[in-house]
Amino acid sequence: MRETPWEGPAAHYDPERMAPDDVCPNLWAFDPAGQREWLQAAYEELVAFVTGAAERGQGAFMGFAY
C-alpha cells in the first residue's frame, strides 16, 4: 500500500456517484469537497496501520464503526 500514492485512490473519488449509491459513511452528500481531506487522512492512517503490521510480520484486524 505504501507504494500507492494518495493520488491513485483519489482519482476514484466521485461524490456525485457515491452519495446516491449510499457509500458509507454517506458524508459525501453534505460536504463533497471537505470530505476529500477526511478521506486522505483516513487513507494515510490505513497505510500506516497495514505497513506497521507487515513490518512486524503480523496479521491485521481492523474494525469499522460509523
C-alpha atoms as a PDB file:
ATOM      1  CA  MET A   1       0.000   0.000   0.000  1.00  0.00           C
ATOM      2  CA  ARG A   2       2.761   2.450   0.754  1.00  0.00           C
ATOM      3  CA  GLU A   3       3.780   2.279  -2.913  1.00  0.00           C
ATOM      4  CA  THR A   4       0.348   3.569  -3.925  1.00  0.00           C
ATOM      5  CA  PRO A   5       0.378   7.335  -3.512  1.00  0.00           C
ATOM      6  CA  TRP A   6      -2.784   9.099  -2.394  1.00  0.00           C
ATOM      7  CA  GLU A   7      -3.369  10.374  -5.934  1.00  0.00           C
ATOM      8  CA  GLY A   8      -4.170   6.824  -7.092  1.00  0.00           C
ATOM      9  CA  PRO A   9      -7.223   6.260  -4.890  1.00  0.00           C
ATOM     10  CA  ALA A  10      -8.109   9.975  -5.054  1.00  0.00           C
ATOM     11  CA  ALA A  11      -8.658   9.646  -8.787  1.00  0.00           C
ATOM     12  CA  HIS A  12     -11.668   7.443  -7.961  1.00  0.00           C
ATOM     13  CA  TYR A  13     -13.274   9.908  -5.542  1.00  0.00           C
ATOM     14  CA  ASP A  14     -16.617  10.771  -7.112  1.00  0.00           C
ATOM     15  CA  PRO A  15     -19.031  12.284  -4.572  1.00  0.00           C
ATOM     16  CA  GLU A  16     -21.778  12.697  -7.173  1.00  0.00           C
ATOM     17  CA  ARG A  17     -21.774   8.952  -7.688  1.00  0.00           C
ATOM     18  CA  MET A  18     -21.016   7.918  -4.109  1.00  0.00           C
ATOM     19  CA  ALA A  19     -23.870   9.806  -2.434  1.00  0.00           C
ATOM     20  CA  PRO A  20     -26.757   8.254  -4.445  1.00  0.00           C
ATOM     21  CA  ASP A  21     -25.108   4.821  -4.156  1.00  0.00           C
ATOM     22  CA  ASP A  22     -25.150   5.317  -0.350  1.00  0.00           C
ATOM     23  CA  VAL A  23     -21.434   4.645   0.033  1.00  0.00           C
ATOM     24  CA  CYS A  24     -20.837   4.540   3.760  1.00  0.00           C
ATOM     25  CA  PRO A  25     -20.298   6.836   5.526  1.00  0.00           C
ATOM     26  CA  ASN A  26     -22.609   8.927   3.398  1.00  0.00           C
ATOM     27  CA  LEU A  27     -20.853  12.198   4.215  1.00  0.00           C
ATOM     28  CA  TRP A  28     -20.240  12.905   0.537  1.00  0.00           C
ATOM     29  CA  ALA A  29     -23.759  14.290   0.120  1.00  0.00           C
ATOM     30  CA  PHE A  30     -23.207  17.037   2.705  1.00  0.00           C
ATOM     31  CA  ASP A  31     -19.688  18.312   2.068  1.00  0.00           C
ATOM     32  CA  PRO A  32     -18.167  16.768  -1.086  1.00  0.00           C
ATOM     33  CA  ALA A  33     -15.065  18.989  -1.146  1.00  0.00           C
ATOM     34  CA  GLY A  34     -14.348  18.775   2.580  1.00  0.00           C
ATOM     35  CA  GLN A  35     -14.674  15.023   2.684  1.00  0.00           C
ATOM     36  CA  ARG A  36     -11.749  14.628   0.303  1.00  0.00           C
ATOM     37  CA  GLU A  37      -9.448  15.840   3.103  1.00  0.00           C
ATOM     38  CA  TRP A  38     -11.049  13.376   5.537  1.00  0.00           C
ATOM     39  CA  LEU A  39     -10.653  10.584   3.017  1.00  0.00           C
ATOM     40  CA  GLN A  40      -6.966  11.380   2.502  1.00  0.00           C
ATOM     41  CA  ALA A  41      -6.319  11.344   6.254  1.00  0.00           C
ATOM     42  CA  ALA A  42      -8.162   8.028   6.592  1.00  0.00           C
ATOM     43  CA  TYR A  43      -6.152   6.554   3.711  1.00  0.00           C
ATOM     44  CA  GLU A  44      -2.871   7.653   5.298  1.00  0.00           C
ATOM     45  CA  GLU A  45      -3.920   6.074   8.621  1.00  0.00           C
ATOM     46  CA  LEU A  46      -4.811   2.836   6.842  1.00  0.00           C
ATOM     47  CA  VAL A  47      -1.449   2.742   5.035  1.00  0.00           C
ATOM     48  CA  ALA A  48       0.385   3.295   8.346  1.00  0.00           C
ATOM     49  CA  PHE A  49      -1.653   0.556  10.040  1.00  0.00           C
ATOM     50  CA  VAL A  50      -1.138  -2.043   7.303  1.00  0.00           C
ATOM     51  CA  THR A  51       2.519  -1.136   6.815  1.00  0.00           C
ATOM     52  CA  GLY A  52       3.218  -1.367  10.544  1.00  0.00           C
ATOM     53  CA  ALA A  53       1.646  -4.818  10.768  1.00  0.00           C
ATOM     54  CA  ALA A  54       3.529  -6.033   7.699  1.00  0.00           C
ATOM     55  CA  GLU A  55       6.873  -4.741   9.001  1.00  0.00           C
ATOM     56  CA  ARG A  56       6.347  -6.721  12.218  1.00  0.00           C
ATOM     57  CA  GLY A  57       5.259  -9.835  10.299  1.00  0.00           C
ATOM     58  CA  GLN A  58       1.847  -9.712  11.921  1.00  0.00           C
ATOM     59  CA  GLY A  59      -1.665 -10.150  10.646  1.00  0.00           C
ATOM     60  CA  ALA A  60      -4.056  -7.265  10.969  1.00  0.00           C
ATOM     61  CA  PHE A  61      -7.646  -6.894  12.066  1.00  0.00           C
ATOM     62  CA  MET A  62      -9.424  -3.607  11.769  1.00  0.00           C
ATOM     63  CA  GLY A  63     -12.971  -2.780  12.779  1.00  0.00           C
ATOM     64  CA  PHE A  64     -15.103  -0.155  11.117  1.00  0.00           C
ATOM     65  CA  ALA A  65     -17.861   1.617  13.006  1.00  0.00           C
ATOM     66  CA  TYR A  66     -19.948   4.585  11.951  1.00  0.00           C
END
